[in-house]
C-alpha atoms as a PDB file:
ATOM      1  CA  MET A   1       0.000   0.000   0.000  1.00  0.00           C
ATOM      2  CA  ALA A   2       2.009   2.932  -1.239  1.00  0.00           C
ATOM      3  CA  VAL A   3       2.181   6.274   0.446  1.00  0.00           C
ATOM      4  CA  PHE A   4       5.081   8.103  -1.098  1.00  0.00           C
ATOM      5  CA  GLU A   5       7.944   7.398  -3.418  1.00  0.00           C
ATOM      6  CA  VAL A   6      11.316   9.055  -3.220  1.00  0.00           C
ATOM      7  CA  THR A   7      13.482   9.347  -6.320  1.00  0.00           C
ATOM      8  CA  PRO A   8      16.334   9.330  -7.135  1.00  0.00           C
ATOM      9  CA  VAL A   9      17.709   7.495  -4.109  1.00  0.00           C
ATOM     10  CA  ARG A  10      20.606   5.554  -2.709  1.00  0.00           C
ATOM     11  CA  LYS A  11      19.417   2.476  -0.864  1.00  0.00           C
ATOM     12  CA  GLU A  12      20.459   0.799   2.366  1.00  0.00           C
ATOM     13  CA  MET A  13      19.007  -2.466   3.622  1.00  0.00           C
ATOM     14  CA  SER A  14      18.179  -3.173   7.232  1.00  0.00           C
ATOM     15  CA  ARG A  15      15.682  -5.861   8.206  1.00  0.00           C
ATOM     16  CA  ALA A  16      13.177  -5.241   5.437  1.00  0.00           C
ATOM     17  CA  THR A  17      13.395  -5.656   1.688  1.00  0.00           C
ATOM     18  CA  LYS A  18      12.365  -2.563  -0.221  1.00  0.00           C
ATOM     19  CA  ARG A  19      10.503  -2.729  -3.502  1.00  0.00           C
ATOM     20  CA  THR A  20      12.438  -0.988  -6.286  1.00  0.00           C
ATOM     21  CA  THR A  21      10.593   0.161  -9.377  1.00  0.00           C
ATOM     22  CA  GLY A  22      12.080   0.417 -12.837  1.00  0.00           C
ATOM     23  CA  GLY A  23      14.880   2.881 -13.330  1.00  0.00           C
ATOM     24  CA  GLY A  24      15.140   5.883 -15.520  1.00  0.00           C
ATOM     25  CA  ARG A  25      17.598   8.694 -15.251  1.00  0.00           C
ATOM     26  CA  GLY A  26      19.046   8.542 -11.760  1.00  0.00           C
ATOM     27  CA  GLY A  27      18.219   4.875 -11.265  1.00  0.00           C
ATOM     28  CA  GLY A  28      15.321   3.062  -9.683  1.00  0.00           C
ATOM     29  CA  SER A  29      12.893   4.358  -7.076  1.00  0.00           C
ATOM     30  CA  ILE A  30      11.956   3.097  -3.649  1.00  0.00           C
ATOM     31  CA  CYS A  31       8.359   2.880  -2.468  1.00  0.00           C
ATOM     32  CA  ILE A  32       7.722   3.298   1.249  1.00  0.00           C
ATOM     33  CA  TYR A  33       4.562   1.476   2.256  1.00  0.00           C
ATOM     34  CA  PHE A  34       2.186   2.244   5.110  1.00  0.00           C
ATOM     35  CA  GLN A  35      -1.127   0.607   5.832  1.00  0.00           C
ATOM     36  CA  LEU A  36      -4.242   2.714   5.251  1.00  0.00           C
ATOM     37  CA  PRO A  37      -7.817   2.179   6.445  1.00  0.00           C
ATOM     38  CA  GLU A  38      -9.745  -0.630   4.785  1.00  0.00           C
ATOM     39  CA  GLY A  39     -12.058   1.935   3.197  1.00  0.00           C
ATOM     40  CA  ASP A  40      -9.045   3.494   1.483  1.00  0.00           C
ATOM     41  CA  ARG A  41      -7.644   0.296  -0.014  1.00  0.00           C
ATOM     42  CA  ARG A  42      -8.606   1.262  -3.542  1.00  0.00           C
ATOM     43  CA  GLN A  43      -6.896   4.622  -3.049  1.00  0.00           C
ATOM     44  CA  ALA A  44      -3.791   3.012  -1.615  1.00  0.00           C
ATOM     45  CA  GLN A  45      -2.789   1.873  -5.094  1.00  0.00           C
ATOM     46  CA  ALA A  46      -1.952   5.488  -5.945  1.00  0.00           C
ATOM     47  CA  GLY A  47       0.922   6.898  -3.959  1.00  0.00           C
ATOM     48  CA  ILE A  48       2.694  10.207  -3.843  1.00  0.00           C
ATOM     49  CA  PHE A  49       5.818  11.165  -5.727  1.00  0.00           C
ATOM     50  CA  LEU A  50       8.182  13.137  -3.507  1.00  0.00           C
ATOM     51  CA  THR A  51      10.998  14.843  -5.370  1.00  0.00           C
ATOM     52  CA  ARG A  52      14.198  16.325  -4.007  1.00  0.00           C
ATOM     53  CA  ALA A  53      12.482  19.688  -3.666  1.00  0.00           C
ATOM     54  CA  GLY A  54       9.462  18.171  -1.936  1.00  0.00           C
ATOM     55  CA  THR A  55       7.063  18.521  -4.878  1.00  0.00           C
ATOM     56  CA  VAL A  56       4.144  16.118  -4.648  1.00  0.00           C
ATOM     57  CA  LYS A  57       2.332  14.593  -7.592  1.00  0.00           C
ATOM     58  CA  PRO A  58       0.545  11.293  -8.353  1.00  0.00           C
ATOM     59  CA  MET A  59       2.705   8.365  -9.328  1.00  0.00           C
ATOM     60  CA  ILE A  60       1.876   5.205 -11.239  1.00  0.00           C
ATOM     61  CA  PRO A  61       0.094   2.443  -9.294  1.00  0.00           C
ATOM     62  CA  VAL A  62       2.294   0.021  -7.395  1.00  0.00           C
ATOM     63  CA  HIS A  63       1.632  -3.370  -5.900  1.00  0.00           C
ATOM     64  CA  GLU A  64       0.313  -3.682  -2.370  1.00  0.00           C
ATOM     65  CA  ARG A  65       2.418  -5.453   0.230  1.00  0.00           C
ATOM     66  CA  ASP A  66       1.003  -7.395   3.154  1.00  0.00           C
ATOM     67  CA  GLU A  67       3.163  -5.773   5.800  1.00  0.00           C
ATOM     68  CA  ASP A  68       2.582  -3.986   9.045  1.00  0.00           C
ATOM     69  CA  ARG A  69       3.412  -0.350   9.217  1.00  0.00           C
ATOM     70  CA  LYS A  70       6.969   0.584   8.454  1.00  0.00           C
ATOM     71  CA  ILE A  71       9.345   2.792  10.350  1.00  0.00           C
ATOM     72  CA  SER A  72      11.706   4.731   8.102  1.00  0.00           C
ATOM     73  CA  LEU A  73      14.709   6.992   8.391  1.00  0.00           C
ATOM     74  CA  VAL A  74      14.568   9.623   5.646  1.00  0.00           C
ATOM     75  CA  LEU A  75      17.700  11.650   4.905  1.00  0.00           C
ATOM     76  CA  SER A  76      16.902  14.847   3.057  1.00  0.00           C
ATOM     77  CA  PRO A  77      18.679  18.055   2.047  1.00  0.00           C
ATOM     78  CA  ALA A  78      15.325  19.889   2.201  1.00  0.00           C
ATOM     79  CA  ALA A  79      13.677  18.738   5.421  1.00  0.00           C
ATOM     80  CA  THR A  80      10.873  21.334   5.499  1.00  0.00           C
ATOM     81  CA  GLU A  81       9.639  20.467   2.021  1.00  0.00           C
ATOM     82  CA  THR A  82       9.982  16.760   2.794  1.00  0.00           C
ATOM     83  CA  ASN A  83       7.986  17.206   6.001  1.00  0.00           C
ATOM     84  CA  LEU A  84       5.167  18.917   4.099  1.00  0.00           C
ATOM     85  CA  GLY A  85       5.177  16.356   1.308  1.00  0.00           C
ATOM     86  CA  ILE A  86       4.869  13.405   3.676  1.00  0.00           C
ATOM     87  CA  VAL A  87       2.189  14.967   5.898  1.00  0.00           C
ATOM     88  CA  ARG A  88       0.143  16.172   2.927  1.00  0.00           C
ATOM     89  CA  GLY A  89       0.297  12.801   1.230  1.00  0.00           C
ATOM     90  CA  MET A  90      -0.570  10.713   4.266  1.00  0.00           C
ATOM     91  CA  THR A  91      -3.422  12.892   5.506  1.00  0.00           C
ATOM     92  CA  ALA A  92      -4.906  13.164   2.004  1.00  0.00           C
ATOM     93  CA  ARG A  93      -5.285   9.388   2.083  1.00  0.00           C
ATOM     94  CA  GLY A  94      -7.092   9.241   5.398  1.00  0.00           C
ATOM     95  CA  ALA A  95      -4.261   8.806   7.896  1.00  0.00           C
ATOM     96  CA  LYS A  96      -3.825  11.004  10.936  1.00  0.00           C
ATOM     97  CA  ALA A  97      -0.483  12.598  11.671  1.00  0.00           C
ATOM     98  CA  VAL A  98       1.393  13.184  14.900  1.00  0.00           C
ATOM     99  CA  VAL A  99       4.230  15.562  14.008  1.00  0.00           C
ATOM    100  CA  VAL A 100       7.002  15.780  16.595  1.00  0.00           C
ATOM    101  CA  THR A 101       9.017  18.934  15.952  1.00  0.00           C
ATOM    102  CA  THR A 102      12.354  19.848  17.481  1.00  0.00           C
ATOM    103  CA  ASP A 103      13.082  22.202  14.590  1.00  0.00           C
ATOM    104  CA  LEU A 104      10.162  24.442  13.569  1.00  0.00           C
ATOM    105  CA  PRO A 105       7.706  25.864  16.146  1.00  0.00           C
ATOM    106  CA  TYR A 106       3.987  25.133  16.103  1.00  0.00           C
ATOM    107  CA  ALA A 107       3.008  28.478  14.539  1.00  0.00           C
ATOM    108  CA  VAL A 108       5.382  27.985  11.607  1.00  0.00           C
ATOM    109  CA  LEU A 109       4.276  24.409  11.000  1.00  0.00           C
ATOM    110  CA  ARG A 110       0.591  25.344  11.116  1.00  0.00           C
ATOM    111  CA  ARG A 111       1.168  28.048   8.527  1.00  0.00           C
ATOM    112  CA  LEU A 112       3.226  25.665   6.370  1.00  0.00           C
ATOM    113  CA  TYR A 113       0.473  23.039   6.438  1.00  0.00           C
ATOM    114  CA  ALA A 114      -2.313  25.552   5.816  1.00  0.00           C
ATOM    115  CA  GLU A 115      -0.517  26.955   2.781  1.00  0.00           C
ATOM    116  CA  GLY A 116       0.228  23.413   1.619  1.00  0.00           C
ATOM    117  CA  GLY A 117      -3.413  22.309   1.700  1.00  0.00           C
ATOM    118  CA  VAL A 118      -3.180  19.992   4.719  1.00  0.00           C
ATOM    119  CA  ASP A 119      -6.373  19.428   6.723  1.00  0.00           C
ATOM    120  CA  PRO A 120      -5.503  20.795  10.197  1.00  0.00           C
ATOM    121  CA  ALA A 121      -7.979  18.458  11.870  1.00  0.00           C
ATOM    122  CA  ARG A 122      -5.829  15.497  10.808  1.00  0.00           C
ATOM    123  CA  VAL A 123      -2.595  16.774  12.369  1.00  0.00           C
ATOM    124  CA  ARG A 124      -1.531  16.852  16.014  1.00  0.00           C
ATOM    125  CA  ILE A 125       1.771  18.538  16.801  1.00  0.00           C
ATOM    126  CA  VAL A 126       4.201  17.798  19.605  1.00  0.00           C
ATOM    127  CA  ASP A 127       6.180  21.052  19.831  1.00  0.00           C
ATOM    128  CA  ALA A 128       9.525  21.021  21.654  1.00  0.00           C
ATOM    129  CA  VAL A 129      10.569  24.424  20.291  1.00  0.00           C
ATOM    130  CA  THR A 130       8.075  27.099  21.406  1.00  0.00           C
ATOM    131  CA  LYS A 131       8.442  26.717  25.179  1.00  0.00           C
ATOM    132  CA  TYR A 132      12.225  26.521  24.878  1.00  0.00           C
ATOM    133  CA  ALA A 133      12.393  29.694  22.807  1.00  0.00           C
ATOM    134  CA  ALA A 134       9.564  31.745  24.355  1.00  0.00           C
ATOM    135  CA  GLY A 135       9.325  30.315  27.853  1.00  0.00           C
ATOM    136  CA  ARG A 136       5.701  29.210  27.470  1.00  0.00           C
ATOM    137  CA  GLY A 137       3.253  27.654  25.039  1.00  0.00           C
ATOM    138  CA  LEU A 138       0.524  29.418  23.093  1.00  0.00           C
ATOM    139  CA  GLU A 139      -2.802  29.749  24.910  1.00  0.00           C
ATOM    140  CA  ASP A 140      -5.001  29.702  21.790  1.00  0.00           C
ATOM    141  CA  ALA A 141      -3.198  26.797  20.087  1.00  0.00           C
ATOM    142  CA  GLU A 142      -5.177  23.758  18.963  1.00  0.00           C
ATOM    143  CA  ASN A 143      -4.144  20.127  18.498  1.00  0.00           C
ATOM    144  CA  VAL A 144      -0.732  20.685  20.040  1.00  0.00           C
ATOM    145  CA  ILE A 145       1.230  19.467  23.044  1.00  0.00           C
ATOM    146  CA  PHE A 146       4.086  21.718  24.169  1.00  0.00           C
ATOM    147  CA  VAL A 147       7.246  20.139  25.574  1.00  0.00           C
ATOM    148  CA  LYS A 148       9.760  22.306  27.408  1.00  0.00           C
ATOM    149  CA  SER A 149      12.778  21.588  25.178  1.00  0.00           C
ATOM    150  CA  PRO A 150      14.174  19.228  22.505  1.00  0.00           C
ATOM    151  CA  GLY A 151      16.339  17.711  25.230  1.00  0.00           C
ATOM    152  CA  ASP A 152      13.361  16.769  27.422  1.00  0.00           C
ATOM    153  CA  LEU A 153      13.204  13.108  26.441  1.00  0.00           C
ATOM    154  CA  THR A 154      10.742  12.187  29.182  1.00  0.00           C
ATOM    155  CA  GLY A 155       8.376  14.950  28.094  1.00  0.00           C
ATOM    156  CA  LEU A 156       8.727  13.998  24.443  1.00  0.00           C
ATOM    157  CA  GLY A 157       8.009  10.338  25.143  1.00  0.00           C
ATOM    158  CA  ILE A 158       4.881  11.171  27.138  1.00  0.00           C
ATOM    159  CA  ALA A 159       3.675  13.672  24.534  1.00  0.00           C
ATOM    160  CA  ILE A 160       4.139  11.224  21.647  1.00  0.00           C
ATOM    161  CA  ALA A 161       2.049   8.629  23.488  1.00  0.00           C
ATOM    162  CA  GLN A 162      -0.621  11.266  24.218  1.00  0.00           C
ATOM    163  CA  GLY A 163      -0.600  12.367  20.584  1.00  0.00           C
ATOM    164  CA  ILE A 164      -1.172   8.836  19.334  1.00  0.00           C
ATOM    165  CA  ARG A 165      -3.958   8.206  21.855  1.00  0.00           C
ATOM    166  CA  GLY A 166      -5.543  11.567  21.069  1.00  0.00           C
ATOM    167  CA  SER A 167      -5.756  10.844  17.358  1.00  0.00           C
ATOM    168  CA  GLY A 168      -9.141   9.215  17.918  1.00  0.00           C
ATOM    169  CA  GLY A 169      -8.345   5.827  16.408  1.00  0.00           C
ATOM    170  CA  GLY A 170      -7.852   4.821  12.809  1.00  0.00           C
ATOM    171  CA  ARG A 171      -4.518   4.816  11.020  1.00  0.00           C
ATOM    172  CA  VAL A 172      -1.842   6.985  12.573  1.00  0.00           C
ATOM    173  CA  PHE A 173       1.693   7.847  11.593  1.00  0.00           C
ATOM    174  CA  VAL A 174       4.329   9.758  13.548  1.00  0.00           C
ATOM    175  CA  LEU A 175       6.721  12.126  11.781  1.00  0.00           C
ATOM    176  CA  PHE A 176       9.788  13.118  13.789  1.00  0.00           C
ATOM    177  CA  ASP A 177      11.459  16.304  12.538  1.00  0.00           C
ATOM    178  CA  SER A 178      14.312  16.110  13.139  1.00  0.00           C
ATOM    179  CA  VAL A 179      17.000  13.772  14.421  1.00  0.00           C
ATOM    180  CA  SER A 180      19.682  16.243  13.348  1.00  0.00           C
ATOM    181  CA  THR A 181      18.296  19.039  15.535  1.00  0.00           C
ATOM    182  CA  MET A 182      18.221  16.792  18.600  1.00  0.00           C
ATOM    183  CA  LEU A 183      21.984  16.360  18.274  1.00  0.00           C
ATOM    184  CA  ILE A 184      22.387  20.037  19.212  1.00  0.00           C
ATOM    185  CA  TYR A 185      20.920  19.290  22.644  1.00  0.00           C
ATOM    186  CA  LEU A 186      21.821  15.641  23.234  1.00  0.00           C
ATOM    187  CA  SER A 187      24.645  13.200  22.676  1.00  0.00           C
ATOM    188  CA  SER A 188      24.488  10.675  19.843  1.00  0.00           C
ATOM    189  CA  GLU A 189      24.122   7.920  22.454  1.00  0.00           C
ATOM    190  CA  ASP A 190      21.094   9.587  24.060  1.00  0.00           C
ATOM    191  CA  VAL A 191      19.464  10.205  20.678  1.00  0.00           C
ATOM    192  CA  SER A 192      20.026   6.583  19.664  1.00  0.00           C
ATOM    193  CA  ARG A 193      18.503   5.253  22.899  1.00  0.00           C
ATOM    194  CA  PHE A 194      15.519   7.591  22.584  1.00  0.00           C
ATOM    195  CA  ILE A 195      14.777   6.578  19.002  1.00  0.00           C
ATOM    196  CA  ARG A 196      14.997   2.918  19.999  1.00  0.00           C
ATOM    197  CA  PHE A 197      12.437   3.667  22.708  1.00  0.00           C
ATOM    198  CA  VAL A 198      10.135   5.544  20.315  1.00  0.00           C
ATOM    199  CA  THR A 199      10.293   2.856  17.627  1.00  0.00           C
ATOM    200  CA  GLY A 200       9.285   0.323  20.251  1.00  0.00           C
ATOM    201  CA  ARG A 201       6.307   2.448  21.265  1.00  0.00           C
ATOM    202  CA  LEU A 202       5.276   2.874  17.634  1.00  0.00           C
ATOM    203  CA  LYS A 203       5.324  -0.855  17.040  1.00  0.00           C
ATOM    204  CA  VAL A 204       3.245  -1.503  20.143  1.00  0.00           C
ATOM    205  CA  ALA A 205       0.751   1.165  19.030  1.00  0.00           C
ATOM    206  CA  GLY A 206       0.630  -0.147  15.460  1.00  0.00           C
ATOM    207  CA  ALA A 207       1.675   3.238  14.108  1.00  0.00           C
ATOM    208  CA  ALA A 208       3.961   3.999  11.198  1.00  0.00           C
ATOM    209  CA  GLY A 209       6.917   6.289  11.719  1.00  0.00           C
ATOM    210  CA  VAL A 210       9.236   8.533   9.740  1.00  0.00           C
ATOM    211  CA  PHE A 211      12.380  10.005  11.281  1.00  0.00           C
ATOM    212  CA  LEU A 212      13.754  12.929   9.283  1.00  0.00           C
ATOM    213  CA  ALA A 213      17.425  13.888   9.356  1.00  0.00           C
ATOM    214  CA  ALA A 214      19.606  16.237   7.364  1.00  0.00           C
ATOM    215  CA  GLU A 215      21.464  14.493   4.587  1.00  0.00           C
ATOM    216  CA  GLY A 216      25.032  13.996   5.779  1.00  0.00           C
ATOM    217  CA  GLY A 217      24.076  15.188   9.261  1.00  0.00           C
ATOM    218  CA  LEU A 218      24.527  11.923  11.164  1.00  0.00           C
ATOM    219  CA  ASP A 219      27.825  10.494  12.299  1.00  0.00           C
ATOM    220  CA  PRO A 220      28.535   6.948  11.020  1.00  0.00           C
ATOM    221  CA  ARG A 221      27.947   5.253  14.364  1.00  0.00           C
ATOM    222  CA  LEU A 222      24.572   6.921  14.965  1.00  0.00           C
ATOM    223  CA  ARG A 223      23.515   6.230  11.411  1.00  0.00           C
ATOM    224  CA  ALA A 224      24.412   2.562  11.850  1.00  0.00           C
ATOM    225  CA  ASP A 225      22.478   2.421  15.131  1.00  0.00           C
ATOM    226  CA  LEU A 226      19.371   3.943  13.547  1.00  0.00           C
ATOM    227  CA  THR A 227      19.619   1.749  10.454  1.00  0.00           C
ATOM    228  CA  ALA A 228      19.466  -1.263  12.763  1.00  0.00           C
ATOM    229  CA  VAL A 229      16.149  -0.248  14.351  1.00  0.00           C
ATOM    230  CA  VAL A 230      14.195   1.153  11.393  1.00  0.00           C
ATOM    231  CA  ASP A 231      12.777  -0.899   8.546  1.00  0.00           C
ATOM    232  CA  GLU A 232      14.485   1.123   5.849  1.00  0.00           C
ATOM    233  CA  VAL A 233      16.657   4.125   5.117  1.00  0.00           C
ATOM    234  CA  VAL A 234      15.857   6.431   2.210  1.00  0.00           C
ATOM    235  CA  GLU A 235      17.999   9.269   0.909  1.00  0.00           C
ATOM    236  CA  THR A 236      16.186  11.878  -1.177  1.00  0.00           C
ATOM    237  CA  GLY A 237      19.301  13.597  -2.503  1.00  0.00           C
ATOM    238  CA  GLU A 238      20.779  13.026  -5.920  1.00  0.00           C
ATOM    239  CA  GLY A 239      23.597  10.571  -6.134  1.00  0.00           C
END
């Protein structure tokens, strides 16, 4: 059941085998599959094409795969556009998003999604930026949980669980933006342990997950650690 396709890509294998479509200029493409509601099965044949710049457009139908939800590490040189492309594509197909941001504050993300045509009712935000920068959350904010800082791992873990529970059921995916920003506040070892914890929670909850990171922004050891716990790694840059 396809959600988005990233091309061109360089591929890395972890536990899962990725489906590669036919190549053109720049090589083959990788489809990342998430499960959608049963009522959306006929729509799940049509995914979203996510280019380097984050442009979204329909892609050709792909085959469904009988898999549980995947957890992916996406390395991108344009994280904001990638964030929008993934959230827009998933919510347009009936999924609900929990966006965990350690990079852009709630107000900026809400404006980005509104201008990008994302239904705000389908997105809950866990914001670890606003309180850290301004000292408090926003009183009139909706569908958001404020965490005191990107380094507050306990607060982030609790807020992610609350976000998933507060989605009201149905298919949920969690987008974490971004791993690279967390490294400003935490050691690579702490980030690795936290992502292992979050991936475990996602699997228990039956939720899909995407961890965004800047292309080239992870040290080799951390990248190896994360590759071991996610189902696949996708790079959106040219190569």
